[in-house]
PDB file of all heavy atoms in Angstrom:
ATOM      1  N   ALA A   1      49.490  -5.294  78.510  1.00  0.00           N
ATOM      2  CA  ALA A   1      48.283  -4.933  79.243  1.00  0.00           C
ATOM      3  C   ALA A   1      48.398  -3.504  79.738  1.00  0.00           C
ATOM      4  O   ALA A   1      49.461  -2.976  79.958  1.00  0.00           O
ATOM      5  CB  ALA A   1      48.084  -5.863  80.439  1.00  0.00           C
ATOM      6  N   GLN A   2      47.229  -2.897  79.924  1.00  0.00           N
ATOM      7  CA  GLN A   2      47.120  -1.538  80.466  1.00  0.00           C
ATOM      8  C   GLN A   2      45.811  -1.422  81.172  1.00  0.00           C
ATOM      9  O   GLN A   2      44.895  -2.207  80.982  1.00  0.00           O
ATOM     10  CB  GLN A   2      47.201  -0.516  79.346  1.00  0.00           C
ATOM     11  CG  GLN A   2      46.093  -0.669  78.344  1.00  0.00           C
ATOM     12  CD  GLN A   2      46.031   0.452  77.341  1.00  0.00           C
ATOM     13  OE1 GLN A   2      46.132   1.597  77.678  1.00  0.00           O
ATOM     14  NE2 GLN A   2      45.876   0.078  76.048  1.00  0.00           N
ATOM     15  N   ALA A   3      45.710  -0.389  81.979  1.00  0.00           N
ATOM     16  CA  ALA A   3      44.434  -0.049  82.605  1.00  0.00           C
ATOM     17  C   ALA A   3      43.958   1.222  81.966  1.00  0.00           C
ATOM     18  O   ALA A   3      44.776   2.068  81.509  1.00  0.00           O
ATOM     19  CB  ALA A   3      44.584   0.190  84.133  1.00  0.00           C
ATOM     20  N   PRO A   4      42.628   1.429  81.835  1.00  0.00           N
ATOM     21  CA  PRO A   4      42.160   2.674  81.198  1.00  0.00           C
ATOM     22  C   PRO A   4      42.579   3.867  81.984  1.00  0.00           C
ATOM     23  O   PRO A   4      42.075   4.180  83.066  1.00  0.00           O
ATOM     24  CB  PRO A   4      40.583   2.477  81.273  1.00  0.00           C
ATOM     25  CG  PRO A   4      40.399   1.011  81.422  1.00  0.00           C
ATOM     26  CD  PRO A   4      41.564   0.502  82.233  1.00  0.00           C
ATOM     27  N   THR A   5      43.536   4.561  81.480  1.00  0.00           N
ATOM     28  CA  THR A   5      44.043   5.785  82.084  1.00  0.00           C
ATOM     29  C   THR A   5      44.222   6.798  80.964  1.00  0.00           C
ATOM     30  O   THR A   5      43.358   6.980  80.150  1.00  0.00           O
ATOM     31  CB  THR A   5      45.347   5.505  82.884  1.00  0.00           C
ATOM     32  OG1 THR A   5      46.205   4.664  82.097  1.00  0.00           O
ATOM     33  CG2 THR A   5      45.042   4.773  84.193  1.00  0.00           C
ATOM     34  N   LEU A   6      45.396   7.445  80.907  1.00  0.00           N
ATOM     35  CA  LEU A   6      45.562   8.540  79.907  1.00  0.00           C
ATOM     36  C   LEU A   6      46.085   7.941  78.613  1.00  0.00           C
ATOM     37  O   LEU A   6      47.209   7.514  78.504  1.00  0.00           O
ATOM     38  CB  LEU A   6      46.588   9.534  80.467  1.00  0.00           C
ATOM     39  CG  LEU A   6      46.766  10.819  79.741  1.00  0.00           C
ATOM     40  CD1 LEU A   6      45.463  11.638  79.709  1.00  0.00           C
ATOM     41  CD2 LEU A   6      47.871  11.654  80.403  1.00  0.00           C
ATOM     42  N   PRO A   7      45.252   7.903  77.563  1.00  0.00           N
ATOM     43  CA  PRO A   7      45.675   7.243  76.302  1.00  0.00           C
ATOM     44  C   PRO A   7      46.922   7.760  75.693  1.00  0.00           C
ATOM     45  O   PRO A   7      47.748   7.016  75.200  1.00  0.00           O
ATOM     46  CB  PRO A   7      44.428   7.442  75.422  1.00  0.00           C
ATOM     47  CG  PRO A   7      43.279   7.667  76.312  1.00  0.00           C
ATOM     48  CD  PRO A   7      43.849   8.387  77.518  1.00  0.00           C
ATOM     49  N   ILE A   8      47.082   9.092  75.736  1.00  0.00           N
ATOM     50  CA  ILE A   8      48.211   9.716  75.031  1.00  0.00           C
ATOM     51  C   ILE A   8      49.548   9.322  75.713  1.00  0.00           C
ATOM     52  O   ILE A   8      50.602   9.273  75.069  1.00  0.00           O
ATOM     53  CB  ILE A   8      48.099  11.228  74.977  1.00  0.00           C
ATOM     54  CG1 ILE A   8      48.936  11.829  73.874  1.00  0.00           C
ATOM     55  CG2 ILE A   8      48.338  11.898  76.307  1.00  0.00           C
ATOM     56  CD1 ILE A   8      48.457  11.495  72.488  1.00  0.00           C
ATOM     57  N   PHE A   9      49.503   8.971  77.009  1.00  0.00           N
ATOM     58  CA  PHE A   9      50.744   8.472  77.683  1.00  0.00           C
ATOM     59  C   PHE A   9      50.996   7.020  77.269  1.00  0.00           C
ATOM     60  O   PHE A   9      52.176   6.604  77.189  1.00  0.00           O
ATOM     61  CB  PHE A   9      50.521   8.501  79.192  1.00  0.00           C
ATOM     62  CG  PHE A   9      50.793   9.827  79.850  1.00  0.00           C
ATOM     63  CD1 PHE A   9      51.114  10.966  79.077  1.00  0.00           C
ATOM     64  CD2 PHE A   9      50.791   9.928  81.208  1.00  0.00           C
ATOM     65  CE1 PHE A   9      51.353  12.166  79.703  1.00  0.00           C
ATOM     66  CE2 PHE A   9      51.027  11.146  81.846  1.00  0.00           C
ATOM     67  CZ  PHE A   9      51.322  12.267  81.087  1.00  0.00           C
ATOM     68  N   MET A  10      49.954   6.263  77.036  1.00  0.00           N
ATOM     69  CA  MET A  10      50.103   4.841  76.888  1.00  0.00           C
ATOM     70  C   MET A  10      51.052   4.487  75.729  1.00  0.00           C
ATOM     71  O   MET A  10      51.905   3.608  75.844  1.00  0.00           O
ATOM     72  CB  MET A  10      48.739   4.165  76.653  1.00  0.00           C
ATOM     73  CG  MET A  10      48.753   2.677  76.757  1.00  0.00           C
ATOM     74  SD  MET A  10      49.392   2.124  78.329  1.00  0.00           S
ATOM     75  CE  MET A  10      48.282   2.942  79.440  1.00  0.00           C
ATOM     76  N   GLY A  11      50.871   5.158  74.619  1.00  0.00           N
ATOM     77  CA  GLY A  11      51.721   4.831  73.454  1.00  0.00           C
ATOM     78  C   GLY A  11      53.169   5.329  73.610  1.00  0.00           C
ATOM     79  O   GLY A  11      53.998   4.993  72.748  1.00  0.00           O
ATOM     80  N   THR A  12      53.455   6.116  74.609  1.00  0.00           N
ATOM     81  CA  THR A  12      54.807   6.579  74.822  1.00  0.00           C
ATOM     82  C   THR A  12      55.626   5.676  75.778  1.00  0.00           C
ATOM     83  O   THR A  12      56.859   5.768  75.828  1.00  0.00           O
ATOM     84  CB  THR A  12      54.838   7.984  75.402  1.00  0.00           C
ATOM     85  OG1 THR A  12      54.306   7.999  76.728  1.00  0.00           O
ATOM     86  CG2 THR A  12      54.050   8.989  74.512  1.00  0.00           C
ATOM     87  N   LEU A  13      54.967   4.830  76.524  1.00  0.00           N
ATOM     88  CA  LEU A  13      55.648   4.157  77.607  1.00  0.00           C
ATOM     89  C   LEU A  13      56.694   3.125  77.080  1.00  0.00           C
ATOM     90  O   LEU A  13      57.715   2.861  77.755  1.00  0.00           O
ATOM     91  CB  LEU A  13      54.664   3.447  78.549  1.00  0.00           C
ATOM     92  CG  LEU A  13      54.188   4.379  79.672  1.00  0.00           C
ATOM     93  CD1 LEU A  13      53.000   3.747  80.400  1.00  0.00           C
ATOM     94  CD2 LEU A  13      55.302   4.658  80.658  1.00  0.00           C
ATOM     95  N   SER A  14      56.457   2.551  75.904  1.00  0.00           N
ATOM     96  CA  SER A  14      57.463   1.611  75.365  1.00  0.00           C
ATOM     97  C   SER A  14      58.744   2.356  75.087  1.00  0.00           C
ATOM     98  O   SER A  14      59.860   1.831  75.332  1.00  0.00           O
ATOM     99  CB  SER A  14      56.944   0.937  74.100  1.00  0.00           C
ATOM    100  OG  SER A  14      56.640   1.920  73.102  1.00  0.00           O
ATOM    101  N   PHE A  15      58.644   3.599  74.569  1.00  0.00           N
ATOM    102  CA  PHE A  15      59.849   4.419  74.366  1.00  0.00           C
ATOM    103  C   PHE A  15      60.507   4.708  75.705  1.00  0.00           C
ATOM    104  O   PHE A  15      61.762   4.731  75.756  1.00  0.00           O
ATOM    105  CB  PHE A  15      59.467   5.723  73.674  1.00  0.00           C
ATOM    106  CG  PHE A  15      58.921   5.596  72.270  1.00  0.00           C
ATOM    107  CD1 PHE A  15      57.579   5.465  72.029  1.00  0.00           C
ATOM    108  CD2 PHE A  15      59.802   5.623  71.217  1.00  0.00           C
ATOM    109  CE1 PHE A  15      57.102   5.330  70.749  1.00  0.00           C
ATOM    110  CE2 PHE A  15      59.344   5.488  69.897  1.00  0.00           C
ATOM    111  CZ  PHE A  15      57.960   5.373  69.666  1.00  0.00           C
ATOM    112  N   CYS A  16      59.738   4.964  76.741  1.00  0.00           N
ATOM    113  CA  CYS A  16      60.298   5.231  78.046  1.00  0.00           C
ATOM    114  C   CYS A  16      61.087   4.007  78.568  1.00  0.00           C
ATOM    115  O   CYS A  16      62.211   4.180  79.093  1.00  0.00           O
ATOM    116  CB  CYS A  16      59.203   5.554  79.054  1.00  0.00           C
ATOM    117  SG  CYS A  16      58.214   7.039  78.668  1.00  0.00           S
ATOM    118  N   VAL A  17      60.535   2.826  78.416  1.00  0.00           N
ATOM    119  CA  VAL A  17      61.196   1.628  78.889  1.00  0.00           C
ATOM    120  C   VAL A  17      62.524   1.445  78.150  1.00  0.00           C
ATOM    121  O   VAL A  17      63.618   1.256  78.754  1.00  0.00           O
ATOM    122  CB  VAL A  17      60.313   0.389  78.726  1.00  0.00           C
ATOM    123  CG1 VAL A  17      61.059  -0.869  79.071  1.00  0.00           C
ATOM    124  CG2 VAL A  17      59.058   0.502  79.567  1.00  0.00           C
ATOM    125  N   GLU A  18      62.474   1.553  76.814  1.00  0.00           N
ATOM    126  CA  GLU A  18      63.702   1.305  76.031  1.00  0.00           C
ATOM    127  C   GLU A  18      64.762   2.342  76.393  1.00  0.00           C
ATOM    128  O   GLU A  18      65.941   1.964  76.570  1.00  0.00           O
ATOM    129  CB  GLU A  18      63.344   1.397  74.555  1.00  0.00           C
ATOM    130  CG  GLU A  18      62.511   0.206  74.073  1.00  0.00           C
ATOM    131  CD  GLU A  18      61.996   0.392  72.644  1.00  0.00           C
ATOM    132  OE1 GLU A  18      62.091   1.535  72.128  1.00  0.00           O
ATOM    133  OE2 GLU A  18      61.577  -0.592  72.036  1.00  0.00           O
ATOM    134  N   ALA A  19      64.398   3.599  76.516  1.00  0.00           N
ATOM    135  CA  ALA A  19      65.390   4.661  76.777  1.00  0.00           C
ATOM    136  C   ALA A  19      65.929   4.572  78.219  1.00  0.00           C
ATOM    137  O   ALA A  19      67.140   4.760  78.419  1.00  0.00           O
ATOM    138  CB  ALA A  19      64.777   6.055  76.525  1.00  0.00           C
ATOM    139  N   ALA A  20      65.089   4.222  79.163  1.00  0.00           N
ATOM    140  CA  ALA A  20      65.531   4.133  80.556  1.00  0.00           C
ATOM    141  C   ALA A  20      66.499   2.940  80.717  1.00  0.00           C
ATOM    142  O   ALA A  20      67.537   3.066  81.371  1.00  0.00           O
ATOM    143  CB  ALA A  20      64.400   3.963  81.505  1.00  0.00           C
ATOM    144  N   VAL A  21      66.177   1.821  80.112  1.00  0.00           N
ATOM    145  CA  VAL A  21      67.057   0.639  80.210  1.00  0.00           C
ATOM    146  C   VAL A  21      68.390   0.951  79.536  1.00  0.00           C
ATOM    147  O   VAL A  21      69.485   0.652  80.066  1.00  0.00           O
ATOM    148  CB  VAL A  21      66.387  -0.576  79.557  1.00  0.00           C
ATOM    149  CG1 VAL A  21      67.369  -1.738  79.446  1.00  0.00           C
ATOM    150  CG2 VAL A  21      65.152  -0.986  80.382  1.00  0.00           C
ATOM    151  N   LYS A  22      68.350   1.576  78.363  1.00  0.00           N
ATOM    152  CA  LYS A  22      69.564   1.971  77.682  1.00  0.00           C
ATOM    153  C   LYS A  22      70.402   2.933  78.534  1.00  0.00           C
ATOM    154  O   LYS A  22      71.619   2.847  78.641  1.00  0.00           O
ATOM    155  CB  LYS A  22      69.260   2.597  76.362  1.00  0.00           C
ATOM    156  CG  LYS A  22      70.504   3.003  75.530  1.00  0.00           C
ATOM    157  CD  LYS A  22      70.097   3.599  74.196  1.00  0.00           C
ATOM    158  CE  LYS A  22      71.346   4.043  73.413  1.00  0.00           C
ATOM    159  NZ  LYS A  22      70.966   4.631  72.077  1.00  0.00           N
ATOM    160  N   GLY A  23      69.698   3.865  79.203  1.00  0.00           N
ATOM    161  CA  GLY A  23      70.361   4.863  80.021  1.00  0.00           C
ATOM    162  C   GLY A  23      71.162   4.336  81.193  1.00  0.00           C
ATOM    163  O   GLY A  23      72.158   4.906  81.605  1.00  0.00           O
ATOM    164  N   VAL A  24      70.711   3.208  81.746  1.00  0.00           N
ATOM    165  CA  VAL A  24      71.422   2.622  82.874  1.00  0.00           C
ATOM    166  C   VAL A  24      72.436   1.555  82.480  1.00  0.00           C
ATOM    167  O   VAL A  24      73.055   0.917  83.329  1.00  0.00           O
ATOM    168  CB  VAL A  24      70.453   2.074  83.947  1.00  0.00           C
ATOM    169  CG1 VAL A  24      69.555   3.167  84.450  1.00  0.00           C
ATOM    170  CG2 VAL A  24      69.647   0.905  83.391  1.00  0.00           C
ATOM    171  N   GLY A  25      72.580   1.307  81.156  1.00  0.00           N
ATOM    172  CA  GLY A  25      73.556   0.345  80.699  1.00  0.00           C
ATOM    173  C   GLY A  25      73.009  -0.889  80.074  1.00  0.00           C
ATOM    174  O   GLY A  25      73.776  -1.826  79.853  1.00  0.00           O
ATOM    175  N   GLY A  26      71.731  -0.944  79.773  1.00  0.00           N
ATOM    176  CA  GLY A  26      71.141  -2.085  79.066  1.00  0.00           C
ATOM    177  C   GLY A  26      70.684  -3.179  80.020  1.00  0.00           C
ATOM    178  O   GLY A  26      70.810  -3.047  81.271  1.00  0.00           O
ATOM    179  N   GLU A  27      70.161  -4.241  79.462  1.00  0.00           N
ATOM    180  CA  GLU A  27      69.591  -5.333  80.257  1.00  0.00           C
ATOM    181  C   GLU A  27      70.577  -5.892  81.301  1.00  0.00           C
ATOM    182  O   GLU A  27      70.198  -6.254  82.389  1.00  0.00           O
ATOM    183  CB  GLU A  27      69.143  -6.501  79.338  1.00  0.00           C
ATOM    184  CG  GLU A  27      67.758  -6.380  78.787  1.00  0.00           C
ATOM    185  CD  GLU A  27      67.324  -7.664  78.149  1.00  0.00           C
ATOM    186  OE1 GLU A  27      68.038  -8.708  78.290  1.00  0.00           O
ATOM    187  OE2 GLU A  27      66.266  -7.672  77.436  1.00  0.00           O
ATOM    188  N   ARG A  28      71.837  -5.958  80.898  1.00  0.00           N
ATOM    189  CA  ARG A  28      72.840  -6.582  81.775  1.00  0.00           C
ATOM    190  C   ARG A  28      73.035  -5.804  83.065  1.00  0.00           C
ATOM    191  O   ARG A  28      73.518  -6.331  84.074  1.00  0.00           O
ATOM    192  CB  ARG A  28      74.156  -6.685  81.030  1.00  0.00           C
ATOM    193  CG  ARG A  28      74.200  -7.744  79.947  1.00  0.00           C
ATOM    194  CD  ARG A  28      75.530  -7.778  79.234  1.00  0.00           C
ATOM    195  NE  ARG A  28      75.775  -6.534  78.503  1.00  0.00           N
ATOM    196  CZ  ARG A  28      76.851  -6.298  77.816  1.00  0.00           C
ATOM    197  NH1 ARG A  28      77.843  -7.186  77.745  1.00  0.00           N
ATOM    198  NH2 ARG A  28      77.033  -5.156  77.208  1.00  0.00           N
ATOM    199  N   ALA A  29      72.631  -4.520  83.076  1.00  0.00           N
ATOM    200  CA  ALA A  29      72.767  -3.688  84.261  1.00  0.00           C
ATOM    201  C   ALA A  29      71.564  -3.778  85.202  1.00  0.00           C
ATOM    202  O   ALA A  29      71.605  -3.232  86.290  1.00  0.00           O
ATOM    203  CB  ALA A  29      72.984  -2.233  83.865  1.00  0.00           C
ATOM    204  N   LEU A  30      70.545  -4.515  84.776  1.00  0.00           N
ATOM    205  CA  LEU A  30      69.291  -4.563  85.604  1.00  0.00           C
ATOM    206  C   LEU A  30      69.386  -5.711  86.621  1.00  0.00           C
ATOM    207  O   LEU A  30      69.911  -6.779  86.326  1.00  0.00           O
ATOM    208  CB  LEU A  30      68.088  -4.835  84.690  1.00  0.00           C
ATOM    209  CG  LEU A  30      67.822  -3.777  83.611  1.00  0.00           C
ATOM    210  CD1 LEU A  30      66.660  -4.185  82.736  1.00  0.00           C
ATOM    211  CD2 LEU A  30      67.599  -2.422  84.226  1.00  0.00           C
ATOM    212  N   GLU A  31      68.852  -5.434  87.833  1.00  0.00           N
ATOM    213  CA  GLU A  31      68.868  -6.411  88.907  1.00  0.00           C
ATOM    214  C   GLU A  31      67.472  -6.398  89.548  1.00  0.00           C
ATOM    215  O   GLU A  31      66.718  -5.398  89.436  1.00  0.00           O
ATOM    216  CB  GLU A  31      69.895  -6.021  89.978  1.00  0.00           C
ATOM    217  CG  GLU A  31      71.330  -6.009  89.450  1.00  0.00           C
ATOM    218  CD  GLU A  31      72.263  -5.567  90.526  1.00  0.00           C
ATOM    219  OE1 GLU A  31      72.391  -4.340  90.757  1.00  0.00           O
ATOM    220  OE2 GLU A  31      72.842  -6.438  91.218  1.00  0.00           O
ATOM    221  N   PRO A  32      67.086  -7.526  90.167  1.00  0.00           N
ATOM    222  CA  PRO A  32      65.789  -7.553  90.855  1.00  0.00           C
ATOM    223  C   PRO A  32      65.681  -6.427  91.860  1.00  0.00           C
ATOM    224  O   PRO A  32      66.641  -6.135  92.624  1.00  0.00           O
ATOM    225  CB  PRO A  32      65.781  -8.910  91.523  1.00  0.00           C
ATOM    226  CG  PRO A  32      66.710  -9.766  90.689  1.00  0.00           C
ATOM    227  CD  PRO A  32      67.778  -8.825  90.202  1.00  0.00           C
ATOM    228  N   GLY A  33      64.580  -5.722  91.912  1.00  0.00           N
ATOM    229  CA  GLY A  33      64.367  -4.614  92.838  1.00  0.00           C
ATOM    230  C   GLY A  33      64.731  -3.253  92.284  1.00  0.00           C
ATOM    231  O   GLY A  33      64.433  -2.222  92.906  1.00  0.00           O
TER     232      GLY A  33
END
């Protein structure tokens, strides 16, 4: 889902999520909050 905002950003956010999660050590490093 998305809200109508900046289209050119929208297609980049999946890359942002993947890279940020990898950058902190992957799923196992994530905690609530």
